[in-house]
Amino acid sequence: MKLDLSRTTWRKSSYSGGGGQCVEVAANIPGAVPVRDSKDPEGPALTFTPEGFAAFVAGVKGGEFGAA
């Protein structure tokens, strides 16, 4: 299913400190959490289920994705 994201409200993480390596998340789409690269707002967006995105965020907070 392709979502119409043309009227989506995007937000950056409060932890984004510049440097051009930010993602934006839209939280106002029922049943989906779109994520995009802030440097390419017209580019593609990845879409996750709310549960999948919550699991990802929990993993990040828990240190599962440490820097290489």
C-alpha atoms as a PDB file:
ATOM      1  CA  MET A   1       0.000   0.000   0.000  1.00  0.00           C
ATOM      2  CA  LYS A   2       1.348   3.433  -0.925  1.00  0.00           C
ATOM      3  CA  LEU A   3       0.568   6.220   1.527  1.00  0.00           C
ATOM      4  CA  ASP A   4      -0.107   9.804   0.496  1.00  0.00           C
ATOM      5  CA  LEU A   5       2.421  11.724   2.607  1.00  0.00           C
ATOM      6  CA  SER A   6       1.874  15.102   0.913  1.00  0.00           C
ATOM      7  CA  ARG A   7       0.064  16.588   3.936  1.00  0.00           C
ATOM      8  CA  THR A   8       2.110  14.841   6.573  1.00  0.00           C
ATOM      9  CA  THR A   9       3.601  16.773   9.471  1.00  0.00           C
ATOM     10  CA  TRP A  10       7.223  15.725   9.914  1.00  0.00           C
ATOM     11  CA  ARG A  11       9.360  16.257  13.013  1.00  0.00           C
ATOM     12  CA  LYS A  12      13.026  15.789  13.852  1.00  0.00           C
ATOM     13  CA  SER A  13      14.249  14.215  17.021  1.00  0.00           C
ATOM     14  CA  SER A  14      15.061  16.600  19.848  1.00  0.00           C
ATOM     15  CA  TYR A  15      18.451  14.837  19.880  1.00  0.00           C
ATOM     16  CA  SER A  16      19.252  16.025  16.346  1.00  0.00           C
ATOM     17  CA  GLY A  17      22.137  18.397  16.689  1.00  0.00           C
ATOM     18  CA  GLY A  18      22.780  19.251  13.082  1.00  0.00           C
ATOM     19  CA  GLY A  19      25.555  17.679  11.064  1.00  0.00           C
ATOM     20  CA  GLY A  20      23.141  16.564   8.357  1.00  0.00           C
ATOM     21  CA  GLN A  21      22.570  13.055   9.691  1.00  0.00           C
ATOM     22  CA  CYS A  22      18.987  13.384  10.875  1.00  0.00           C
ATOM     23  CA  VAL A  23      15.806  11.503  10.234  1.00  0.00           C
ATOM     24  CA  GLU A  24      12.294  12.852  10.410  1.00  0.00           C
ATOM     25  CA  VAL A  25       9.273  10.936  11.654  1.00  0.00           C
ATOM     26  CA  ALA A  26       5.585  11.500  10.984  1.00  0.00           C
ATOM     27  CA  ALA A  27       3.342  10.422  13.824  1.00  0.00           C
ATOM     28  CA  ASN A  28      -0.025  11.505  12.436  1.00  0.00           C
ATOM     29  CA  ILE A  29      -0.660   8.579  10.055  1.00  0.00           C
ATOM     30  CA  PRO A  30      -3.023   5.972  11.563  1.00  0.00           C
ATOM     31  CA  GLY A  31      -1.440   2.513  11.559  1.00  0.00           C
ATOM     32  CA  ALA A  32       1.908   3.626  10.120  1.00  0.00           C
ATOM     33  CA  VAL A  33       5.082   5.457  11.122  1.00  0.00           C
ATOM     34  CA  PRO A  34       6.809   6.988   8.079  1.00  0.00           C
ATOM     35  CA  VAL A  35      10.506   7.873   8.424  1.00  0.00           C
ATOM     36  CA  ARG A  36      12.575   9.914   5.958  1.00  0.00           C
ATOM     37  CA  ASP A  37      16.026  11.441   5.543  1.00  0.00           C
ATOM     38  CA  SER A  38      15.882  15.125   6.510  1.00  0.00           C
ATOM     39  CA  LYS A  39      18.444  15.972   3.800  1.00  0.00           C
ATOM     40  CA  ASP A  40      16.122  14.592   1.107  1.00  0.00           C
ATOM     41  CA  PRO A  41      12.563  15.566   2.078  1.00  0.00           C
ATOM     42  CA  GLU A  42      11.250  14.821  -1.424  1.00  0.00           C
ATOM     43  CA  GLY A  43      12.913  11.408  -1.442  1.00  0.00           C
ATOM     44  CA  PRO A  44      11.470   8.095  -0.342  1.00  0.00           C
ATOM     45  CA  ALA A  45      10.132   7.365   3.126  1.00  0.00           C
ATOM     46  CA  LEU A  46      10.301   4.046   4.922  1.00  0.00           C
ATOM     47  CA  THR A  47       7.063   3.036   6.617  1.00  0.00           C
ATOM     48  CA  PHE A  48       6.906   0.915   9.754  1.00  0.00           C
ATOM     49  CA  THR A  49       4.068  -0.445  11.833  1.00  0.00           C
ATOM     50  CA  PRO A  50       3.696   1.415  15.127  1.00  0.00           C
ATOM     51  CA  GLU A  51       4.757  -1.754  16.958  1.00  0.00           C
ATOM     52  CA  GLY A  52       7.825  -2.222  14.774  1.00  0.00           C
ATOM     53  CA  PHE A  53       8.894   1.379  15.231  1.00  0.00           C
ATOM     54  CA  ALA A  54       8.344   1.192  19.004  1.00  0.00           C
ATOM     55  CA  ALA A  55      10.538  -1.933  19.123  1.00  0.00           C
ATOM     56  CA  PHE A  56      13.243  -0.139  17.130  1.00  0.00           C
ATOM     57  CA  VAL A  57      13.171   2.908  19.442  1.00  0.00           C
ATOM     58  CA  ALA A  58      13.324   0.625  22.496  1.00  0.00           C
ATOM     59  CA  GLY A  59      16.355  -1.115  20.979  1.00  0.00           C
ATOM     60  CA  VAL A  60      18.109   2.185  20.334  1.00  0.00           C
ATOM     61  CA  LYS A  61      17.430   3.332  23.894  1.00  0.00           C
ATOM     62  CA  GLY A  62      18.658  -0.028  25.181  1.00  0.00           C
ATOM     63  CA  GLY A  63      21.948   0.171  23.277  1.00  0.00           C
ATOM     64  CA  GLU A  64      21.245  -2.639  20.811  1.00  0.00           C
ATOM     65  CA  PHE A  65      22.627  -0.607  17.881  1.00  0.00           C
ATOM     66  CA  GLY A  66      25.978   0.585  19.160  1.00  0.00           C
ATOM     67  CA  ALA A  67      28.307   2.624  16.974  1.00  0.00           C
ATOM     68  CA  ALA A  68      30.669   0.575  14.863  1.00  0.00           C
END
